[in-house]
Amino acid sequence: MPKNSFRARKSRQSRKTTVVVTGRLTNTRRPTELERLDVFIGRWLTEGKTVDGREGPAMQIPAMQIVASDVYEWAPGGRFVMHPAYGRIGDVSVGGLEIIGSDPATGQYRTYFFDSQGNIISETLSYRDGTWSWQGEHARCTGVFSEDGKTLTARHERSDDGKHWEPSMTVTLRKIE
């Protein structure tokens, strides 16, 4: 490859290269689309319950109480939000870590959730008309913040086939700091 084409390509890439790779700080300003995520930042207590449901044709599953603690904070550099969550659904301990960032290619946000059972779930996150929407292959959620930003009500749905959706749980997060 000619030396000049390598430099031209390298120059185009330098706008995307991070300080971790190069040792040089090239862009310290956080993209404005990330500012919308500030509403999540803080410590939250989460309460709610699952929806009564069926597991197979004969087994009825009763609703279970949900109690959890959620923390949303900016990762170093302010480009991603880290969201560890710990709690219980009924008698079962649950938790995980969600990472939220911006996807410039789609204009949406992208989330990756690593749960306590070893699953990795990727979803899109978007905001429109006061509603946050998470959309995954088999789970989705809509959430609305109160006017003061201290309460988030989230309604979750699940789907076995990605086409037919049914309610799975409703939770309310209350900001405590």
N, C-alpha and C. Protein backbone atom coordinates (compact mmCIF):
# COMPACT_ATOMS: atom_id res chain seq x y z
N MET A 1 0.85 -1.17 0.00
CA MET A 1 0.00 0.00 0.00
C MET A 1 0.89 1.24 0.00
N PRO A 2 0.60 2.23 -0.87
CA PRO A 2 1.41 3.44 -0.90
C PRO A 2 1.31 4.17 0.44
N LYS A 3 2.42 4.77 0.83
CA LYS A 3 2.52 5.44 2.13
C LYS A 3 1.45 6.54 2.28
N ASN A 4 1.17 7.32 1.22
CA ASN A 4 0.21 8.41 1.31
C ASN A 4 -1.21 7.91 1.57
N SER A 5 -1.61 6.78 0.96
CA SER A 5 -2.95 6.29 1.22
C SER A 5 -3.10 5.82 2.65
N PHE A 6 -2.05 5.28 3.22
CA PHE A 6 -2.11 4.88 4.62
C PHE A 6 -2.33 6.11 5.50
N ARG A 7 -1.59 7.19 5.20
CA ARG A 7 -1.76 8.42 5.99
C ARG A 7 -3.15 9.00 5.84
N ALA A 8 -3.71 9.00 4.62
CA ALA A 8 -5.06 9.55 4.41
C ALA A 8 -6.07 8.73 5.18
N ARG A 9 -5.94 7.41 5.10
CA ARG A 9 -6.86 6.55 5.84
C ARG A 9 -6.70 6.76 7.34
N LYS A 10 -5.46 6.83 7.79
CA LYS A 10 -5.16 7.04 9.21
C LYS A 10 -5.74 8.37 9.67
N SER A 11 -5.66 9.41 8.84
CA SER A 11 -6.19 10.73 9.18
C SER A 11 -7.71 10.67 9.37
N ARG A 12 -8.40 9.97 8.46
CA ARG A 12 -9.86 9.82 8.58
C ARG A 12 -10.21 9.07 9.84
N GLN A 13 -9.44 8.06 10.18
CA GLN A 13 -9.72 7.25 11.36
C GLN A 13 -9.42 7.98 12.65
N SER A 14 -8.52 8.97 12.62
CA SER A 14 -8.09 9.61 13.86
C SER A 14 -9.24 10.29 14.58
N ARG A 15 -10.26 10.71 13.85
CA ARG A 15 -11.42 11.31 14.50
C ARG A 15 -12.16 10.31 15.36
N LYS A 16 -12.02 9.04 15.06
CA LYS A 16 -12.72 7.99 15.79
C LYS A 16 -11.82 7.30 16.80
N THR A 17 -10.54 7.55 16.75
CA THR A 17 -9.59 6.85 17.60
C THR A 17 -9.63 7.42 19.01
N THR A 18 -9.52 6.58 20.00
CA THR A 18 -9.61 7.02 21.38
C THR A 18 -8.24 7.24 21.98
N VAL A 19 -8.23 7.95 23.09
CA VAL A 19 -7.00 8.21 23.81
C VAL A 19 -6.38 6.91 24.31
N VAL A 20 -7.18 5.92 24.58
CA VAL A 20 -6.67 4.64 25.07
C VAL A 20 -5.75 4.01 24.03
N VAL A 21 -6.10 4.12 22.76
CA VAL A 21 -5.32 3.51 21.70
C VAL A 21 -4.10 4.36 21.33
N THR A 22 -4.29 5.68 21.22
CA THR A 22 -3.23 6.53 20.70
C THR A 22 -2.38 7.21 21.76
N GLY A 23 -2.91 7.35 22.96
CA GLY A 23 -2.21 8.11 23.98
C GLY A 23 -2.41 9.61 23.81
N ARG A 24 -3.18 10.03 22.79
CA ARG A 24 -3.48 11.45 22.55
C ARG A 24 -4.97 11.68 22.72
N LEU A 25 -5.32 12.77 23.35
CA LEU A 25 -6.70 13.15 23.54
C LEU A 25 -7.11 14.02 22.36
N THR A 26 -8.08 13.55 21.56
CA THR A 26 -8.44 14.29 20.35
C THR A 26 -9.78 15.00 20.47
N ASN A 27 -10.73 14.44 21.19
CA ASN A 27 -12.05 15.06 21.29
C ASN A 27 -12.58 14.83 22.70
N THR A 28 -12.59 15.88 23.50
CA THR A 28 -13.02 15.71 24.89
C THR A 28 -14.47 16.07 25.12
N ARG A 29 -15.14 16.63 24.14
CA ARG A 29 -16.53 17.04 24.31
C ARG A 29 -17.48 15.88 24.08
N ARG A 30 -18.37 15.67 25.03
CA ARG A 30 -19.35 14.60 24.91
C ARG A 30 -20.40 14.98 23.86
N PRO A 31 -20.76 14.05 22.96
CA PRO A 31 -21.80 14.35 21.96
C PRO A 31 -23.11 14.77 22.64
N THR A 32 -23.79 15.74 22.07
CA THR A 32 -25.00 16.29 22.68
C THR A 32 -26.12 15.25 22.84
N GLU A 33 -26.17 14.27 21.95
CA GLU A 33 -27.24 13.27 22.07
C GLU A 33 -27.14 12.47 23.37
N LEU A 34 -25.96 12.43 23.95
CA LEU A 34 -25.80 11.71 25.23
C LEU A 34 -26.39 12.48 26.41
N GLU A 35 -26.54 13.80 26.27
CA GLU A 35 -27.08 14.61 27.36
C GLU A 35 -28.49 14.17 27.75
N ARG A 36 -29.25 13.66 26.80
CA ARG A 36 -30.62 13.20 27.10
C ARG A 36 -30.61 12.07 28.14
N LEU A 37 -29.52 11.31 28.21
CA LEU A 37 -29.42 10.21 29.19
C LEU A 37 -29.22 10.70 30.61
N ASP A 38 -28.93 11.98 30.81
CA ASP A 38 -28.73 12.53 32.16
C ASP A 38 -29.92 12.27 33.07
N VAL A 39 -31.12 12.16 32.52
CA VAL A 39 -32.32 11.93 33.33
C VAL A 39 -32.24 10.62 34.12
N PHE A 40 -31.47 9.66 33.63
CA PHE A 40 -31.33 8.37 34.32
C PHE A 40 -30.33 8.41 35.47
N ILE A 41 -29.39 9.35 35.44
CA ILE A 41 -28.26 9.34 36.37
C ILE A 41 -28.74 9.51 37.81
N GLY A 42 -28.33 8.57 38.66
CA GLY A 42 -28.67 8.62 40.08
C GLY A 42 -28.88 7.23 40.64
N ARG A 43 -29.29 7.21 41.91
CA ARG A 43 -29.61 5.96 42.62
C ARG A 43 -31.11 5.84 42.74
N TRP A 44 -31.61 4.64 42.45
CA TRP A 44 -33.06 4.42 42.38
C TRP A 44 -33.45 3.19 43.19
N LEU A 45 -34.63 3.26 43.83
CA LEU A 45 -35.26 2.08 44.42
C LEU A 45 -36.36 1.66 43.47
N THR A 46 -36.42 0.38 43.19
CA THR A 46 -37.36 -0.15 42.20
C THR A 46 -38.33 -1.11 42.88
N GLU A 47 -39.62 -0.92 42.61
CA GLU A 47 -40.65 -1.81 43.13
C GLU A 47 -41.66 -2.08 42.03
N GLY A 48 -42.25 -3.25 42.07
CA GLY A 48 -43.26 -3.58 41.08
C GLY A 48 -43.68 -5.03 41.24
N LYS A 49 -44.27 -5.55 40.17
CA LYS A 49 -44.63 -6.97 40.19
C LYS A 49 -44.74 -7.51 38.78
N THR A 50 -44.53 -8.80 38.70
CA THR A 50 -44.70 -9.48 37.43
C THR A 50 -46.20 -9.64 37.17
N VAL A 51 -46.55 -10.00 35.97
CA VAL A 51 -47.94 -10.21 35.59
C VAL A 51 -48.25 -11.70 35.71
N ASP A 52 -49.45 -12.02 36.22
CA ASP A 52 -49.89 -13.43 36.22
C ASP A 52 -49.72 -13.97 34.81
N GLY A 53 -49.32 -15.21 34.71
CA GLY A 53 -49.13 -15.77 33.38
C GLY A 53 -49.26 -17.27 33.36
N ARG A 54 -49.01 -17.82 32.20
CA ARG A 54 -49.07 -19.26 32.00
C ARG A 54 -47.73 -19.76 31.50
N GLU A 55 -47.36 -20.92 31.98
CA GLU A 55 -46.18 -21.62 31.47
C GLU A 55 -46.70 -22.94 30.95
N GLY A 56 -46.96 -22.99 29.67
CA GLY A 56 -47.57 -24.18 29.10
C GLY A 56 -49.07 -24.12 29.26
N PRO A 57 -49.80 -25.14 28.79
CA PRO A 57 -51.26 -25.09 28.78
C PRO A 57 -51.91 -25.23 30.16
N ALA A 58 -51.25 -25.83 31.14
CA ALA A 58 -51.93 -26.11 32.40
C ALA A 58 -51.35 -25.38 33.61
N MET A 59 -50.16 -24.80 33.50
CA MET A 59 -49.50 -24.25 34.68
C MET A 59 -49.68 -22.74 34.78
N GLN A 60 -50.42 -22.30 35.79
CA GLN A 60 -50.62 -20.88 36.05
C GLN A 60 -49.48 -20.37 36.92
N ILE A 61 -48.87 -19.24 36.54
CA ILE A 61 -47.79 -18.64 37.32
C ILE A 61 -48.33 -17.38 37.99
N PRO A 62 -48.29 -17.33 39.32
CA PRO A 62 -48.81 -16.14 40.01
C PRO A 62 -47.87 -14.95 39.86
N ALA A 63 -48.42 -13.74 40.02
CA ALA A 63 -47.59 -12.53 40.00
C ALA A 63 -46.63 -12.57 41.18
N MET A 64 -45.43 -12.01 40.98
CA MET A 64 -44.43 -11.97 42.04
C MET A 64 -43.99 -10.53 42.27
N GLN A 65 -43.70 -10.20 43.51
CA GLN A 65 -43.20 -8.88 43.87
C GLN A 65 -41.78 -8.69 43.35
N ILE A 66 -41.46 -7.48 42.96
CA ILE A 66 -40.13 -7.10 42.51
C ILE A 66 -39.63 -5.98 43.43
N VAL A 67 -38.45 -6.17 43.96
CA VAL A 67 -37.78 -5.14 44.76
C VAL A 67 -36.33 -5.11 44.29
N ALA A 68 -35.83 -3.92 43.94
CA ALA A 68 -34.47 -3.83 43.42
C ALA A 68 -33.86 -2.47 43.71
N SER A 69 -32.56 -2.42 43.49
CA SER A 69 -31.78 -1.19 43.58
C SER A 69 -31.08 -1.00 42.24
N ASP A 70 -31.24 0.18 41.66
CA ASP A 70 -30.62 0.49 40.38
C ASP A 70 -29.76 1.73 40.53
N VAL A 71 -28.59 1.72 39.92
CA VAL A 71 -27.70 2.88 39.90
C VAL A 71 -27.35 3.16 38.45
N TYR A 72 -27.53 4.40 38.05
CA TYR A 72 -27.10 4.84 36.71
C TYR A 72 -26.02 5.88 36.91
N GLU A 73 -24.85 5.67 36.29
CA GLU A 73 -23.77 6.65 36.39
C GLU A 73 -22.97 6.65 35.10
N TRP A 74 -22.36 7.82 34.83
CA TRP A 74 -21.52 7.93 33.64
C TRP A 74 -20.24 7.15 33.84
N ALA A 75 -19.87 6.39 32.84
CA ALA A 75 -18.58 5.70 32.83
C ALA A 75 -17.49 6.75 32.64
N PRO A 76 -16.24 6.44 32.97
CA PRO A 76 -15.16 7.39 32.75
C PRO A 76 -15.18 7.89 31.29
N GLY A 77 -15.05 9.19 31.12
CA GLY A 77 -15.09 9.80 29.79
C GLY A 77 -16.46 10.31 29.42
N GLY A 78 -17.51 9.86 30.12
CA GLY A 78 -18.85 10.37 29.88
C GLY A 78 -19.49 9.97 28.57
N ARG A 79 -19.05 8.87 27.98
CA ARG A 79 -19.61 8.42 26.69
C ARG A 79 -20.59 7.26 26.84
N PHE A 80 -20.58 6.61 28.00
CA PHE A 80 -21.46 5.47 28.25
C PHE A 80 -22.05 5.59 29.65
N VAL A 81 -23.25 5.05 29.81
CA VAL A 81 -23.87 4.98 31.13
C VAL A 81 -23.75 3.54 31.62
N MET A 82 -23.29 3.39 32.86
CA MET A 82 -23.22 2.07 33.50
C MET A 82 -24.44 1.96 34.42
N HIS A 83 -25.10 0.82 34.38
CA HIS A 83 -26.31 0.62 35.17
C HIS A 83 -26.28 -0.75 35.84
N PRO A 84 -25.66 -0.84 37.02
CA PRO A 84 -25.77 -2.09 37.78
C PRO A 84 -27.13 -2.14 38.48
N ALA A 85 -27.71 -3.32 38.54
CA ALA A 85 -29.01 -3.52 39.18
C ALA A 85 -28.96 -4.82 39.99
N TYR A 86 -29.53 -4.74 41.19
CA TYR A 86 -29.57 -5.90 42.09
C TYR A 86 -30.95 -5.96 42.70
N GLY A 87 -31.51 -7.15 42.85
CA GLY A 87 -32.82 -7.23 43.47
C GLY A 87 -33.35 -8.64 43.57
N ARG A 88 -34.67 -8.69 43.77
CA ARG A 88 -35.36 -9.97 43.89
C ARG A 88 -36.66 -9.91 43.10
N ILE A 89 -36.94 -11.01 42.43
CA ILE A 89 -38.26 -11.22 41.84
C ILE A 89 -38.82 -12.42 42.58
N GLY A 90 -39.81 -12.15 43.44
CA GLY A 90 -40.27 -13.20 44.35
C GLY A 90 -39.14 -13.57 45.28
N ASP A 91 -38.79 -14.86 45.34
CA ASP A 91 -37.70 -15.34 46.19
C ASP A 91 -36.38 -15.49 45.44
N VAL A 92 -36.34 -15.09 44.17
CA VAL A 92 -35.16 -15.30 43.34
C VAL A 92 -34.32 -14.02 43.27
N SER A 93 -33.03 -14.14 43.58
CA SER A 93 -32.10 -13.01 43.44
C SER A 93 -31.78 -12.81 41.96
N VAL A 94 -31.83 -11.56 41.52
CA VAL A 94 -31.53 -11.22 40.13
C VAL A 94 -30.61 -10.00 40.10
N GLY A 95 -29.99 -9.78 38.99
CA GLY A 95 -29.15 -8.60 38.84
C GLY A 95 -28.40 -8.63 37.54
N GLY A 96 -27.59 -7.61 37.36
CA GLY A 96 -26.79 -7.55 36.15
C GLY A 96 -26.22 -6.17 35.96
N LEU A 97 -25.61 -5.99 34.80
CA LEU A 97 -25.00 -4.72 34.44
C LEU A 97 -25.44 -4.37 33.02
N GLU A 98 -26.01 -3.18 32.88
CA GLU A 98 -26.39 -2.66 31.58
C GLU A 98 -25.41 -1.54 31.21
N ILE A 99 -25.01 -1.50 29.96
CA ILE A 99 -24.18 -0.42 29.43
C ILE A 99 -25.00 0.24 28.32
N ILE A 100 -25.12 1.57 28.39
CA ILE A 100 -25.91 2.33 27.41
C ILE A 100 -24.99 3.31 26.70
N GLY A 101 -25.08 3.35 25.39
CA GLY A 101 -24.31 4.31 24.61
C GLY A 101 -25.09 4.75 23.38
N SER A 102 -24.55 5.71 22.69
CA SER A 102 -25.19 6.25 21.49
C SER A 102 -24.74 5.48 20.26
N ASP A 103 -25.67 5.26 19.33
CA ASP A 103 -25.35 4.61 18.06
C ASP A 103 -25.55 5.64 16.95
N PRO A 104 -24.48 6.34 16.55
CA PRO A 104 -24.63 7.40 15.54
C PRO A 104 -25.18 6.90 14.21
N ALA A 105 -24.97 5.64 13.89
CA ALA A 105 -25.45 5.10 12.61
C ALA A 105 -26.98 5.08 12.55
N THR A 106 -27.65 4.87 13.70
CA THR A 106 -29.11 4.77 13.71
C THR A 106 -29.79 5.97 14.36
N GLY A 107 -29.02 6.79 15.08
CA GLY A 107 -29.62 7.91 15.81
C GLY A 107 -30.32 7.46 17.08
N GLN A 108 -30.16 6.20 17.44
CA GLN A 108 -30.74 5.66 18.66
C GLN A 108 -29.62 5.38 19.66
N TYR A 109 -30.03 4.86 20.79
CA TYR A 109 -29.06 4.40 21.77
C TYR A 109 -29.01 2.89 21.70
N ARG A 110 -27.93 2.32 22.18
CA ARG A 110 -27.75 0.87 22.19
C ARG A 110 -27.50 0.46 23.62
N THR A 111 -28.12 -0.63 24.06
CA THR A 111 -27.89 -1.14 25.40
C THR A 111 -27.42 -2.59 25.33
N TYR A 112 -26.56 -2.91 26.27
CA TYR A 112 -26.08 -4.29 26.42
C TYR A 112 -26.27 -4.63 27.88
N PHE A 113 -27.02 -5.69 28.15
CA PHE A 113 -27.30 -6.10 29.53
C PHE A 113 -26.68 -7.47 29.76
N PHE A 114 -25.84 -7.55 30.79
CA PHE A 114 -25.17 -8.78 31.18
C PHE A 114 -25.81 -9.22 32.48
N ASP A 115 -26.64 -10.28 32.44
CA ASP A 115 -27.40 -10.62 33.63
C ASP A 115 -26.71 -11.65 34.51
N SER A 116 -27.27 -11.84 35.71
CA SER A 116 -26.66 -12.72 36.71
C SER A 116 -26.75 -14.19 36.34
N GLN A 117 -27.46 -14.52 35.27
CA GLN A 117 -27.55 -15.91 34.81
C GLN A 117 -26.63 -16.18 33.63
N GLY A 118 -25.82 -15.17 33.26
CA GLY A 118 -24.86 -15.35 32.18
C GLY A 118 -25.35 -14.95 30.80
N ASN A 119 -26.55 -14.39 30.71
CA ASN A 119 -27.09 -13.97 29.42
C ASN A 119 -26.56 -12.59 29.05
N ILE A 120 -26.44 -12.35 27.74
CA ILE A 120 -26.11 -11.03 27.22
C ILE A 120 -27.25 -10.63 26.30
N ILE A 121 -27.88 -9.50 26.62
CA ILE A 121 -29.04 -9.05 25.87
C ILE A 121 -28.73 -7.69 25.27
N SER A 122 -28.94 -7.55 23.97
CA SER A 122 -28.72 -6.30 23.27
C SER A 122 -30.06 -5.73 22.84
N GLU A 123 -30.26 -4.42 23.10
CA GLU A 123 -31.50 -3.76 22.74
C GLU A 123 -31.21 -2.38 22.19
N THR A 124 -32.17 -1.86 21.42
CA THR A 124 -32.10 -0.45 21.06
C THR A 124 -32.90 0.32 22.11
N LEU A 125 -32.52 1.56 22.31
CA LEU A 125 -33.21 2.44 23.23
C LEU A 125 -33.46 3.74 22.47
N SER A 126 -34.71 4.19 22.48
CA SER A 126 -35.03 5.43 21.78
C SER A 126 -35.94 6.29 22.65
N TYR A 127 -36.00 7.56 22.30
CA TYR A 127 -36.83 8.52 23.04
C TYR A 127 -37.71 9.26 22.05
N ARG A 128 -39.01 9.29 22.35
CA ARG A 128 -39.94 10.00 21.48
C ARG A 128 -41.16 10.42 22.27
N ASP A 129 -41.51 11.68 22.15
CA ASP A 129 -42.72 12.23 22.76
C ASP A 129 -42.83 11.89 24.25
N GLY A 130 -41.73 12.01 24.99
CA GLY A 130 -41.75 11.79 26.43
C GLY A 130 -41.66 10.34 26.87
N THR A 131 -41.50 9.43 25.92
CA THR A 131 -41.46 8.00 26.26
C THR A 131 -40.12 7.39 25.81
N TRP A 132 -39.50 6.67 26.73
CA TRP A 132 -38.30 5.89 26.42
C TRP A 132 -38.76 4.49 26.03
N SER A 133 -38.17 3.92 24.98
CA SER A 133 -38.54 2.58 24.52
C SER A 133 -37.30 1.72 24.32
N TRP A 134 -37.27 0.59 25.03
CA TRP A 134 -36.24 -0.42 24.85
C TRP A 134 -36.85 -1.49 23.95
N GLN A 135 -36.12 -1.95 22.95
CA GLN A 135 -36.63 -2.97 22.05
C GLN A 135 -35.56 -4.02 21.81
N GLY A 136 -35.88 -5.25 22.22
CA GLY A 136 -35.00 -6.37 21.98
C GLY A 136 -35.72 -7.42 21.18
N GLU A 137 -35.06 -8.55 21.00
CA GLU A 137 -35.64 -9.63 20.20
C GLU A 137 -36.83 -10.29 20.89
N HIS A 138 -36.73 -10.46 22.22
CA HIS A 138 -37.80 -11.15 22.95
C HIS A 138 -38.32 -10.36 24.15
N ALA A 139 -37.86 -9.15 24.31
CA ALA A 139 -38.32 -8.29 25.41
C ALA A 139 -38.35 -6.85 24.92
N ARG A 140 -39.31 -6.10 25.46
CA ARG A 140 -39.37 -4.67 25.19
C ARG A 140 -39.99 -3.97 26.38
N CYS A 141 -39.79 -2.67 26.44
CA CYS A 141 -40.23 -1.90 27.59
C CYS A 141 -40.48 -0.46 27.17
N THR A 142 -41.50 0.15 27.75
CA THR A 142 -41.70 1.59 27.60
C THR A 142 -41.63 2.20 28.98
N GLY A 143 -40.98 3.35 29.08
CA GLY A 143 -40.82 4.03 30.35
C GLY A 143 -41.10 5.51 30.22
N VAL A 144 -41.76 6.06 31.25
CA VAL A 144 -42.09 7.48 31.27
C VAL A 144 -41.65 8.06 32.60
N PHE A 145 -40.91 9.16 32.55
CA PHE A 145 -40.49 9.87 33.75
C PHE A 145 -41.57 10.85 34.19
N SER A 146 -41.66 11.05 35.50
CA SER A 146 -42.54 12.08 36.03
C SER A 146 -41.97 13.45 35.64
N GLU A 147 -42.77 14.50 35.78
CA GLU A 147 -42.32 15.84 35.41
C GLU A 147 -41.08 16.27 36.17
N ASP A 148 -40.97 15.88 37.44
CA ASP A 148 -39.80 16.27 38.24
C ASP A 148 -38.60 15.35 38.02
N GLY A 149 -38.76 14.29 37.20
CA GLY A 149 -37.66 13.39 36.87
C GLY A 149 -37.27 12.45 37.99
N LYS A 150 -38.09 12.36 39.05
CA LYS A 150 -37.74 11.52 40.20
C LYS A 150 -38.46 10.19 40.24
N THR A 151 -39.31 9.93 39.25
CA THR A 151 -40.02 8.66 39.18
C THR A 151 -40.04 8.20 37.72
N LEU A 152 -39.75 6.93 37.52
CA LEU A 152 -39.82 6.32 36.19
C LEU A 152 -40.74 5.12 36.29
N THR A 153 -41.81 5.12 35.51
CA THR A 153 -42.72 3.98 35.45
C THR A 153 -42.44 3.22 34.15
N ALA A 154 -42.14 1.92 34.30
CA ALA A 154 -41.74 1.11 33.14
C ALA A 154 -42.64 -0.11 33.01
N ARG A 155 -43.15 -0.31 31.82
CA ARG A 155 -44.00 -1.47 31.51
C ARG A 155 -43.24 -2.38 30.55
N HIS A 156 -43.02 -3.61 30.99
CA HIS A 156 -42.24 -4.58 30.22
C HIS A 156 -43.17 -5.58 29.54
N GLU A 157 -42.76 -6.03 28.37
CA GLU A 157 -43.46 -7.09 27.65
C GLU A 157 -42.45 -8.12 27.19
N ARG A 158 -42.95 -9.33 26.95
CA ARG A 158 -42.08 -10.40 26.46
C ARG A 158 -42.75 -11.08 25.28
N SER A 159 -41.93 -11.79 24.50
CA SER A 159 -42.43 -12.51 23.34
C SER A 159 -41.55 -13.74 23.12
N ASP A 160 -42.19 -14.87 22.87
CA ASP A 160 -41.43 -16.08 22.55
C ASP A 160 -40.96 -16.08 21.10
N ASP A 161 -41.73 -15.41 20.22
CA ASP A 161 -41.42 -15.44 18.79
C ASP A 161 -41.03 -14.09 18.20
N GLY A 162 -41.03 -13.04 19.00
CA GLY A 162 -40.69 -11.71 18.51
C GLY A 162 -41.81 -11.03 17.74
N LYS A 163 -42.99 -11.65 17.71
CA LYS A 163 -44.14 -11.10 16.98
C LYS A 163 -45.35 -10.87 17.89
N HIS A 164 -45.60 -11.81 18.77
CA HIS A 164 -46.76 -11.75 19.66
C HIS A 164 -46.27 -11.38 21.06
N TRP A 165 -46.72 -10.23 21.55
CA TRP A 165 -46.21 -9.68 22.80
C TRP A 165 -47.26 -9.77 23.90
N GLU A 166 -46.79 -9.99 25.13
CA GLU A 166 -47.69 -9.99 26.28
C GLU A 166 -47.00 -9.30 27.45
N PRO A 167 -47.77 -8.63 28.31
CA PRO A 167 -47.17 -7.94 29.45
C PRO A 167 -46.42 -8.92 30.34
N SER A 168 -45.28 -8.50 30.88
CA SER A 168 -44.52 -9.37 31.78
C SER A 168 -44.34 -8.76 33.17
N MET A 169 -44.16 -7.44 33.26
CA MET A 169 -44.04 -6.80 34.57
C MET A 169 -44.17 -5.30 34.42
N THR A 170 -44.51 -4.67 35.54
CA THR A 170 -44.53 -3.22 35.64
C THR A 170 -43.72 -2.84 36.87
N VAL A 171 -42.82 -1.88 36.72
CA VAL A 171 -41.99 -1.44 37.84
C VAL A 171 -42.00 0.09 37.91
N THR A 172 -41.80 0.58 39.12
CA THR A 172 -41.66 2.01 39.34
C THR A 172 -40.31 2.23 40.03
N LEU A 173 -39.49 3.08 39.42
CA LEU A 173 -38.21 3.45 39.99
C LEU A 173 -38.37 4.83 40.63
N ARG A 174 -37.92 4.95 41.88
CA ARG A 174 -37.97 6.22 42.59
C ARG A 174 -36.55 6.66 42.90
N LYS A 175 -36.19 7.86 42.45
CA LYS A 175 -34.83 8.38 42.65
C LYS A 175 -34.64 8.75 44.13
N ILE A 176 -33.56 8.21 44.70
CA ILE A 176 -33.27 8.51 46.10
C ILE A 176 -32.05 9.42 46.25
N GLU A 177 -31.24 9.57 45.23
CA GLU A 177 -30.15 10.56 45.20
C GLU A 177 -29.69 10.79 43.79
